[in-house]
N, C-alpha and C. Protein backbone atom coordinates (compact mmCIF):
# COMPACT_ATOMS: atom_id res chain seq x y z
N MET A 1 143.40 -18.47 -2.41
CA MET A 1 142.75 -19.50 -2.49
C MET A 1 143.82 -20.56 -1.82
N LYS A 2 143.53 -21.23 -1.04
CA LYS A 2 144.28 -22.30 -0.36
C LYS A 2 143.94 -23.81 -0.73
N LEU A 3 144.98 -24.26 -1.78
CA LEU A 3 144.45 -25.59 -2.13
C LEU A 3 146.05 -26.30 -2.24
N SER A 4 145.78 -27.67 -2.37
CA SER A 4 147.12 -28.38 -2.43
C SER A 4 147.62 -28.05 -3.90
N ASP A 5 148.91 -28.01 -4.17
CA ASP A 5 149.46 -27.87 -5.27
C ASP A 5 148.71 -28.77 -6.52
N SER A 6 148.63 -29.76 -6.16
CA SER A 6 147.89 -30.65 -7.35
C SER A 6 146.49 -30.27 -7.60
N ARG A 7 145.79 -29.98 -6.58
CA ARG A 7 144.36 -29.14 -6.80
C ARG A 7 144.12 -28.00 -7.63
N LEU A 8 145.10 -27.20 -7.28
CA LEU A 8 145.15 -25.90 -7.82
C LEU A 8 145.72 -25.99 -9.40
N GLU A 9 146.62 -26.92 -9.51
CA GLU A 9 147.34 -27.31 -11.00
C GLU A 9 146.07 -27.71 -11.87
N PHE A 10 145.08 -28.61 -11.21
CA PHE A 10 143.88 -29.29 -11.98
C PHE A 10 142.92 -27.99 -12.01
N ILE A 11 142.82 -27.06 -11.30
CA ILE A 11 141.79 -26.02 -11.41
C ILE A 11 142.36 -25.25 -12.43
N LEU A 12 143.46 -24.78 -12.46
CA LEU A 12 144.02 -23.68 -13.26
C LEU A 12 143.93 -24.40 -14.89
N GLN A 13 144.39 -25.66 -14.83
CA GLN A 13 144.28 -26.24 -16.24
C GLN A 13 142.77 -26.28 -16.97
N ASP A 14 141.75 -26.57 -15.94
CA ASP A 14 140.46 -26.50 -16.28
C ASP A 14 140.20 -25.38 -16.96
N GLU A 15 140.42 -24.17 -16.32
CA GLU A 15 140.10 -22.95 -16.52
C GLU A 15 140.56 -22.43 -18.10
N ILE A 16 141.90 -22.78 -18.11
CA ILE A 16 142.54 -22.61 -19.18
C ILE A 16 141.80 -23.24 -20.59
N ARG A 17 141.29 -24.60 -20.35
CA ARG A 17 140.55 -25.28 -21.38
C ARG A 17 139.20 -24.97 -21.54
N ARG A 18 138.52 -24.18 -20.63
CA ARG A 18 137.08 -23.83 -20.92
C ARG A 18 136.99 -23.15 -22.04
N SER A 19 137.61 -22.14 -22.59
CA SER A 19 137.15 -21.51 -23.82
C SER A 19 138.26 -21.59 -25.01
N GLU A 20 137.79 -21.53 -25.95
CA GLU A 20 138.80 -21.54 -27.20
C GLU A 20 139.81 -20.05 -27.14
N GLU A 21 139.22 -18.99 -26.63
CA GLU A 21 139.99 -17.76 -26.20
C GLU A 21 141.19 -18.20 -25.53
N SER A 22 140.79 -18.72 -24.36
CA SER A 22 141.61 -18.85 -23.24
C SER A 22 142.81 -20.05 -23.66
N ARG A 23 142.57 -20.99 -24.49
CA ARG A 23 143.18 -22.01 -25.17
C ARG A 23 144.42 -21.01 -25.99
N TYR A 24 143.90 -20.39 -26.90
CA TYR A 24 144.69 -19.55 -28.04
C TYR A 24 145.76 -18.75 -26.66
N ASN A 25 145.10 -18.07 -25.89
CA ASN A 25 146.23 -17.12 -25.02
C ASN A 25 147.17 -18.15 -24.50
N HIS A 26 146.87 -19.44 -23.72
CA HIS A 26 147.71 -20.39 -23.39
C HIS A 26 148.77 -20.63 -24.52
N ARG A 27 148.49 -21.01 -25.73
CA ARG A 27 149.37 -21.11 -26.65
C ARG A 27 150.24 -20.00 -26.86
N LEU A 28 149.77 -18.69 -27.21
CA LEU A 28 150.67 -17.20 -26.89
C LEU A 28 151.44 -17.47 -26.13
N HIS A 29 151.32 -17.53 -24.77
CA HIS A 29 152.33 -17.86 -23.56
C HIS A 29 153.40 -18.67 -24.08
N ALA A 30 152.87 -19.97 -24.43
CA ALA A 30 153.98 -20.94 -24.78
C ALA A 30 155.28 -20.51 -25.84
N ILE A 31 154.55 -19.72 -26.77
CA ILE A 31 155.39 -19.45 -27.95
C ILE A 31 156.21 -18.16 -27.42
N LEU A 32 155.62 -17.36 -26.55
CA LEU A 32 156.38 -16.11 -25.89
C LEU A 32 157.70 -16.56 -25.07
N LEU A 33 157.21 -17.73 -23.99
CA LEU A 33 158.57 -18.09 -23.51
C LEU A 33 159.36 -18.73 -24.36
N ILE A 34 159.05 -19.42 -25.34
CA ILE A 34 160.11 -20.07 -26.51
C ILE A 34 160.83 -18.77 -26.92
N ALA A 35 160.20 -17.99 -27.44
CA ALA A 35 160.81 -16.76 -27.84
C ALA A 35 161.84 -16.10 -26.97
N ASN A 36 161.54 -16.11 -25.62
CA ASN A 36 162.34 -15.37 -24.53
C ASN A 36 163.69 -16.46 -24.19
N GLY A 37 163.89 -17.32 -24.95
CA GLY A 37 164.87 -18.39 -24.58
C GLY A 37 164.61 -19.77 -23.81
N MET A 38 163.39 -19.80 -23.38
CA MET A 38 163.38 -20.85 -22.71
C MET A 38 163.06 -22.19 -23.93
N LYS A 39 163.38 -23.35 -23.23
CA LYS A 39 163.65 -24.61 -24.16
C LYS A 39 162.17 -25.36 -23.77
N CYS A 40 162.00 -25.87 -24.93
CA CYS A 40 160.56 -26.60 -24.83
C CYS A 40 160.46 -27.63 -23.63
N PRO A 41 161.32 -28.46 -23.08
CA PRO A 41 161.21 -29.22 -21.99
C PRO A 41 160.61 -28.01 -20.57
N GLU A 42 161.48 -27.28 -20.67
CA GLU A 42 161.15 -25.96 -19.60
C GLU A 42 159.80 -25.40 -19.59
N VAL A 43 159.26 -25.23 -20.86
CA VAL A 43 157.88 -24.54 -21.08
C VAL A 43 156.86 -25.70 -20.65
N SER A 44 157.18 -26.92 -21.07
CA SER A 44 156.14 -28.03 -20.98
C SER A 44 156.00 -28.29 -19.56
N ALA A 45 157.28 -28.22 -18.80
CA ALA A 45 157.03 -28.44 -17.17
C ALA A 45 156.40 -27.14 -16.69
N LEU A 46 156.42 -25.94 -17.17
CA LEU A 46 155.71 -24.79 -16.66
C LEU A 46 154.58 -24.77 -16.78
N LEU A 47 153.96 -25.09 -17.96
CA LEU A 47 152.96 -24.82 -18.34
C LEU A 47 151.81 -26.13 -18.07
N GLY A 48 152.45 -27.35 -17.88
CA GLY A 48 151.94 -28.52 -17.85
C GLY A 48 151.17 -29.09 -18.96
N ASP A 49 151.77 -28.72 -20.31
CA ASP A 49 151.48 -29.45 -21.45
C ASP A 49 152.64 -30.29 -22.04
N PRO A 50 152.31 -31.27 -22.66
CA PRO A 50 153.57 -32.18 -23.17
C PRO A 50 154.27 -31.47 -24.14
N GLU A 51 155.51 -32.06 -24.14
CA GLU A 51 156.61 -31.35 -24.88
C GLU A 51 156.31 -31.23 -26.33
N ARG A 52 155.84 -32.59 -26.71
CA ARG A 52 155.29 -32.92 -28.22
C ARG A 52 154.28 -31.47 -28.36
N THR A 53 153.33 -31.24 -27.68
CA THR A 53 152.37 -30.33 -28.02
C THR A 53 152.98 -28.78 -28.23
N ILE A 54 154.04 -28.70 -27.44
CA ILE A 54 154.64 -27.52 -27.46
C ILE A 54 155.07 -27.26 -28.76
N ARG A 55 156.03 -28.19 -29.24
CA ARG A 55 156.71 -28.11 -30.30
C ARG A 55 155.78 -28.17 -31.67
N ARG A 56 154.78 -28.93 -31.51
CA ARG A 56 153.44 -28.77 -32.53
C ARG A 56 153.17 -27.42 -32.56
N TRP A 57 153.08 -26.60 -31.52
CA TRP A 57 152.53 -25.14 -31.48
C TRP A 57 153.45 -24.50 -32.32
N ILE A 58 154.70 -24.46 -31.97
CA ILE A 58 156.04 -23.71 -32.23
C ILE A 58 155.81 -23.86 -33.73
N HIS A 59 155.66 -25.23 -34.23
CA HIS A 59 155.86 -25.41 -35.89
C HIS A 59 154.73 -24.88 -36.58
N ARG A 60 153.31 -24.92 -35.99
CA ARG A 60 152.35 -24.14 -36.61
C ARG A 60 152.55 -22.61 -36.52
N PHE A 61 153.08 -22.15 -35.75
CA PHE A 61 153.40 -20.78 -35.52
C PHE A 61 154.46 -20.27 -36.38
N ASN A 62 155.43 -20.86 -36.76
CA ASN A 62 156.39 -20.88 -37.72
C ASN A 62 155.83 -20.95 -39.28
N LEU A 63 155.15 -21.81 -39.45
CA LEU A 63 154.34 -22.01 -40.89
C LEU A 63 153.30 -20.96 -40.88
N TYR A 64 152.34 -20.47 -40.00
CA TYR A 64 151.11 -19.82 -40.25
C TYR A 64 151.08 -18.62 -39.40
N GLY A 65 152.14 -18.26 -38.64
CA GLY A 65 151.99 -17.22 -37.97
C GLY A 65 150.81 -17.29 -36.57
N PHE A 66 150.16 -16.39 -36.20
CA PHE A 66 149.13 -16.52 -35.32
C PHE A 66 148.07 -17.24 -35.42
N LYS A 67 147.64 -17.37 -36.94
CA LYS A 67 146.40 -18.08 -37.15
C LYS A 67 146.81 -19.55 -37.05
N GLY A 68 148.28 -19.94 -36.79
CA GLY A 68 148.51 -21.26 -36.64
C GLY A 68 148.07 -21.50 -35.22
N LEU A 69 147.78 -20.86 -34.36
CA LEU A 69 147.84 -21.03 -32.98
C LEU A 69 146.13 -21.16 -32.67
N ILE A 70 145.33 -20.79 -33.70
CA ILE A 70 143.83 -20.84 -33.47
C ILE A 70 143.46 -22.31 -33.38
N GLU A 71 142.61 -22.75 -32.83
CA GLU A 71 142.27 -24.17 -32.52
C GLU A 71 141.60 -24.36 -33.84
N VAL A 72 141.62 -25.58 -34.62
CA VAL A 72 140.81 -25.93 -35.74
C VAL A 72 139.89 -27.21 -35.49
N ASP A 73 139.05 -27.51 -35.81
CA ASP A 73 137.90 -28.52 -35.74
C ASP A 73 138.75 -29.81 -35.91
N HIS A 74 138.64 -30.80 -35.44
CA HIS A 74 139.53 -32.32 -35.57
C HIS A 74 138.36 -33.07 -35.67
N LEU A 75 138.38 -33.88 -36.71
CA LEU A 75 137.25 -34.70 -37.30
C LEU A 75 137.31 -35.85 -36.20
N GLY A 76 138.63 -36.40 -36.05
CA GLY A 76 138.70 -37.48 -35.18
C GLY A 76 138.30 -39.04 -35.82
N ARG A 77 138.19 -39.76 -35.17
CA ARG A 77 137.67 -41.13 -35.51
C ARG A 77 135.93 -41.11 -35.47
N PRO A 78 135.35 -41.50 -36.52
CA PRO A 78 133.69 -41.28 -36.51
C PRO A 78 133.22 -42.35 -35.23
N PRO A 79 132.13 -41.71 -34.81
CA PRO A 79 131.59 -42.66 -33.81
C PRO A 79 131.60 -44.09 -34.28
N ARG A 80 131.50 -44.89 -33.62
CA ARG A 80 131.25 -46.69 -33.75
C ARG A 80 129.76 -46.71 -33.79
N LEU A 81 128.99 -45.87 -32.91
CA LEU A 81 127.36 -46.13 -33.00
C LEU A 81 126.93 -45.06 -33.54
N PRO A 82 125.97 -45.11 -34.42
CA PRO A 82 125.35 -43.98 -35.03
C PRO A 82 124.36 -43.30 -34.02
N ALA A 83 124.06 -42.16 -34.44
CA ALA A 83 123.29 -41.45 -33.64
C ALA A 83 121.99 -42.14 -32.93
N ALA A 84 121.12 -42.96 -33.92
CA ALA A 84 120.31 -43.51 -33.59
C ALA A 84 120.25 -44.72 -32.50
N GLN A 85 121.50 -45.35 -32.89
CA GLN A 85 121.88 -46.38 -32.11
C GLN A 85 122.24 -45.82 -30.48
N MET A 86 123.19 -44.80 -30.39
CA MET A 86 123.35 -43.97 -29.24
C MET A 86 122.09 -43.55 -28.30
N GLU A 87 121.01 -43.19 -29.09
CA GLU A 87 119.62 -42.91 -28.48
C GLU A 87 119.18 -44.19 -27.88
N LYS A 88 119.22 -44.94 -28.57
CA LYS A 88 118.77 -46.35 -28.03
C LYS A 88 119.35 -46.87 -26.77
N VAL A 89 120.83 -46.67 -26.60
CA VAL A 89 121.57 -47.13 -25.77
C VAL A 89 121.17 -46.14 -24.37
N SER A 90 121.04 -44.97 -24.69
CA SER A 90 120.60 -44.03 -23.51
C SER A 90 119.58 -44.33 -23.12
N ARG A 91 118.66 -44.90 -23.67
CA ARG A 91 117.14 -45.22 -23.32
C ARG A 91 117.25 -46.65 -22.60
N ILE A 92 118.33 -47.46 -23.18
CA ILE A 92 118.07 -48.91 -22.41
C ILE A 92 118.66 -48.71 -21.01
N LEU A 93 119.75 -47.63 -20.84
CA LEU A 93 120.50 -47.61 -19.70
C LEU A 93 119.59 -47.06 -18.82
N GLN A 94 118.32 -46.52 -18.98
CA GLN A 94 117.31 -45.87 -18.03
C GLN A 94 116.73 -47.09 -17.43
N ARG A 95 116.89 -48.10 -18.03
CA ARG A 95 116.07 -49.36 -17.50
C ARG A 95 116.90 -50.35 -16.75
N ARG A 96 116.59 -51.74 -16.31
CA ARG A 96 117.67 -52.67 -15.60
C ARG A 96 118.12 -53.71 -16.58
N PRO A 97 119.26 -54.00 -16.42
CA PRO A 97 119.52 -55.23 -17.25
C PRO A 97 118.77 -56.40 -17.26
N GLU A 98 118.17 -56.67 -16.00
CA GLU A 98 117.22 -57.86 -16.09
C GLU A 98 116.36 -57.77 -17.09
N ASP A 99 115.83 -56.24 -17.51
CA ASP A 99 114.82 -56.44 -18.55
C ASP A 99 115.13 -56.69 -19.85
N PHE A 100 116.43 -56.90 -19.93
CA PHE A 100 116.84 -57.54 -21.28
C PHE A 100 117.66 -58.69 -21.41
N GLY A 101 117.09 -59.40 -20.20
CA GLY A 101 117.65 -60.94 -20.06
C GLY A 101 118.88 -61.12 -19.09
N TYR A 102 119.41 -60.19 -18.66
CA TYR A 102 120.74 -60.34 -17.97
C TYR A 102 120.25 -60.85 -16.56
N ARG A 103 121.30 -61.46 -15.96
CA ARG A 103 120.83 -61.89 -14.45
C ARG A 103 121.82 -60.99 -13.36
N VAL A 104 121.91 -59.68 -14.00
CA VAL A 104 122.32 -58.75 -13.08
C VAL A 104 121.48 -57.65 -12.67
N LYS A 105 121.77 -57.08 -11.67
CA LYS A 105 120.67 -55.74 -11.22
C LYS A 105 121.06 -54.48 -11.77
N LYS A 106 122.48 -54.35 -12.08
CA LYS A 106 122.86 -53.12 -12.41
C LYS A 106 123.59 -53.01 -13.64
N TRP A 107 123.62 -52.12 -14.40
CA TRP A 107 124.54 -51.99 -15.57
C TRP A 107 125.91 -51.87 -15.17
N ASN A 108 126.98 -52.47 -15.90
CA ASN A 108 128.19 -51.92 -15.93
C ASN A 108 128.94 -52.13 -17.36
N GLY A 109 130.13 -51.68 -17.36
CA GLY A 109 130.88 -51.84 -18.55
C GLY A 109 130.79 -53.03 -19.59
N LYS A 110 131.10 -54.33 -18.75
CA LYS A 110 130.82 -55.63 -19.24
C LYS A 110 129.82 -55.85 -19.85
N PHE A 111 128.63 -55.54 -19.17
CA PHE A 111 127.27 -56.17 -19.35
C PHE A 111 126.90 -55.07 -20.65
N LEU A 112 127.37 -53.79 -20.55
CA LEU A 112 126.62 -53.20 -21.47
C LEU A 112 127.50 -53.33 -22.89
N SER A 113 128.78 -53.58 -22.74
CA SER A 113 129.46 -53.94 -24.09
C SER A 113 128.72 -55.35 -24.65
N GLU A 114 128.54 -55.95 -23.87
CA GLU A 114 127.68 -57.43 -24.55
C GLU A 114 126.39 -56.92 -24.93
N TYR A 115 125.81 -56.57 -24.27
CA TYR A 115 124.48 -55.84 -24.96
C TYR A 115 124.55 -55.21 -26.18
N ILE A 116 125.64 -54.53 -26.45
CA ILE A 116 125.75 -53.59 -27.83
C ILE A 116 126.14 -54.78 -28.81
N ARG A 117 127.15 -55.33 -28.37
CA ARG A 117 127.43 -56.47 -29.32
C ARG A 117 126.44 -57.55 -29.68
N LYS A 118 125.50 -57.91 -28.98
CA LYS A 118 124.37 -58.67 -29.26
C LYS A 118 123.22 -57.81 -30.36
N GLU A 119 123.02 -56.50 -29.70
CA GLU A 119 121.88 -55.78 -30.32
C GLU A 119 122.24 -55.20 -31.75
N PHE A 120 123.67 -54.48 -31.73
CA PHE A 120 123.99 -53.72 -32.94
C PHE A 120 124.97 -54.67 -33.80
N GLY A 121 125.76 -55.77 -33.20
CA GLY A 121 126.90 -56.39 -33.74
C GLY A 121 128.16 -55.28 -33.74
N ILE A 122 128.00 -54.33 -32.82
CA ILE A 122 129.32 -53.73 -32.90
C ILE A 122 130.30 -53.95 -31.41
N ARG A 123 131.40 -54.34 -31.55
CA ARG A 123 132.28 -54.45 -30.30
C ARG A 123 132.87 -53.18 -29.85
N LEU A 124 132.43 -52.79 -28.70
CA LEU A 124 132.66 -51.63 -27.86
C LEU A 124 133.65 -52.02 -26.86
N GLY A 125 134.74 -51.44 -26.13
CA GLY A 125 135.46 -51.97 -25.26
C GLY A 125 134.71 -51.54 -23.78
N ILE A 126 135.06 -52.39 -22.84
CA ILE A 126 134.37 -52.24 -21.64
C ILE A 126 134.55 -50.70 -20.98
N ARG A 127 135.65 -50.18 -21.19
CA ARG A 127 136.04 -48.86 -20.92
C ARG A 127 135.12 -47.55 -21.58
N GLN A 128 134.80 -48.04 -22.82
CA GLN A 128 134.00 -47.16 -23.54
C GLN A 128 132.74 -47.27 -23.13
N CYS A 129 132.18 -48.49 -22.77
CA CYS A 129 130.99 -48.74 -22.28
C CYS A 129 130.92 -48.09 -20.83
N GLN A 130 131.76 -48.08 -20.24
CA GLN A 130 131.82 -47.17 -18.63
C GLN A 130 131.49 -46.04 -18.87
N ARG A 131 132.35 -45.30 -19.90
CA ARG A 131 132.09 -43.85 -20.16
C ARG A 131 130.73 -43.60 -20.54
N LEU A 132 130.17 -44.64 -21.47
CA LEU A 132 128.44 -44.27 -21.88
C LEU A 132 127.42 -44.34 -20.60
N TYR A 133 127.99 -45.19 -19.89
CA TYR A 133 127.16 -45.59 -18.70
C TYR A 133 127.12 -44.27 -17.64
N ARG A 134 128.34 -43.69 -17.60
CA ARG A 134 128.46 -42.65 -16.65
C ARG A 134 127.66 -41.49 -17.42
N LEU A 135 127.82 -41.19 -18.74
CA LEU A 135 127.09 -40.10 -19.39
C LEU A 135 125.53 -40.39 -19.48
N TYR A 136 124.93 -41.62 -19.54
CA TYR A 136 123.50 -41.83 -19.65
C TYR A 136 122.84 -42.50 -18.84
N GLY A 137 123.71 -43.35 -17.90
CA GLY A 137 123.13 -44.32 -16.87
C GLY A 137 122.28 -43.34 -16.02
N SER A 138 120.80 -44.11 -15.39
CA SER A 138 120.12 -43.31 -14.48
C SER A 138 120.66 -43.57 -13.24
N ASN A 139 120.43 -42.67 -12.27
CA ASN A 139 120.44 -42.72 -10.90
C ASN A 139 120.18 -43.97 -9.91
N ARG A 140 119.13 -44.50 -10.76
CA ARG A 140 118.18 -45.69 -9.96
C ARG A 140 119.11 -47.07 -10.26
N SER A 141 119.85 -47.25 -11.35
CA SER A 141 120.60 -48.35 -11.49
C SER A 141 122.05 -48.14 -11.51
N LYS A 142 122.52 -47.00 -11.19
CA LYS A 142 123.72 -46.84 -11.13
C LYS A 142 124.70 -47.45 -9.97
N PRO A 143 125.81 -48.07 -10.63
CA PRO A 143 126.72 -48.92 -9.47
C PRO A 143 127.37 -48.02 -8.52
N THR A 144 127.73 -48.39 -7.52
CA THR A 144 128.38 -47.51 -6.61
C THR A 144 130.03 -47.25 -7.20
N ALA A 145 130.50 -47.96 -7.77
CA ALA A 145 131.88 -47.99 -8.26
C ALA A 145 132.05 -48.76 -9.49
N ILE A 146 132.65 -48.12 -10.71
CA ILE A 146 132.54 -48.68 -11.87
C ILE A 146 133.87 -49.31 -12.20
N LEU A 147 134.99 -48.77 -11.54
CA LEU A 147 136.03 -49.42 -11.74
C LEU A 147 136.38 -50.70 -11.28
């Protein structure tokens, strides 16, 4: 496979993240490298993971053994928009902003943010709205560039 170094690295990292099993094996490799005398910064540079992440894997391995390297569900921050509101947002993105009283022809993060604030009383940042647009927006109204 002939790819640029950055493209190859991206493809390989994407493949590692593809499944829970491959992520577990990746963590095992990190622990093996540390066990063989490499330092965290070296392992970080070699595997492409943040040094802090490598240290967290080591810590969990020391506390729980191999079970500490198994991925656990992360609750994370709850969504700001409940499922019903998210469904409504996905439906409105299939229509034009003009249908909702805006003077623009295409959705973008700024106008979607304003719509959500007015409709639901929830403030979402422009970047988050851009992600929603990319996820749910129709090809018919999709702008050429969101950035």
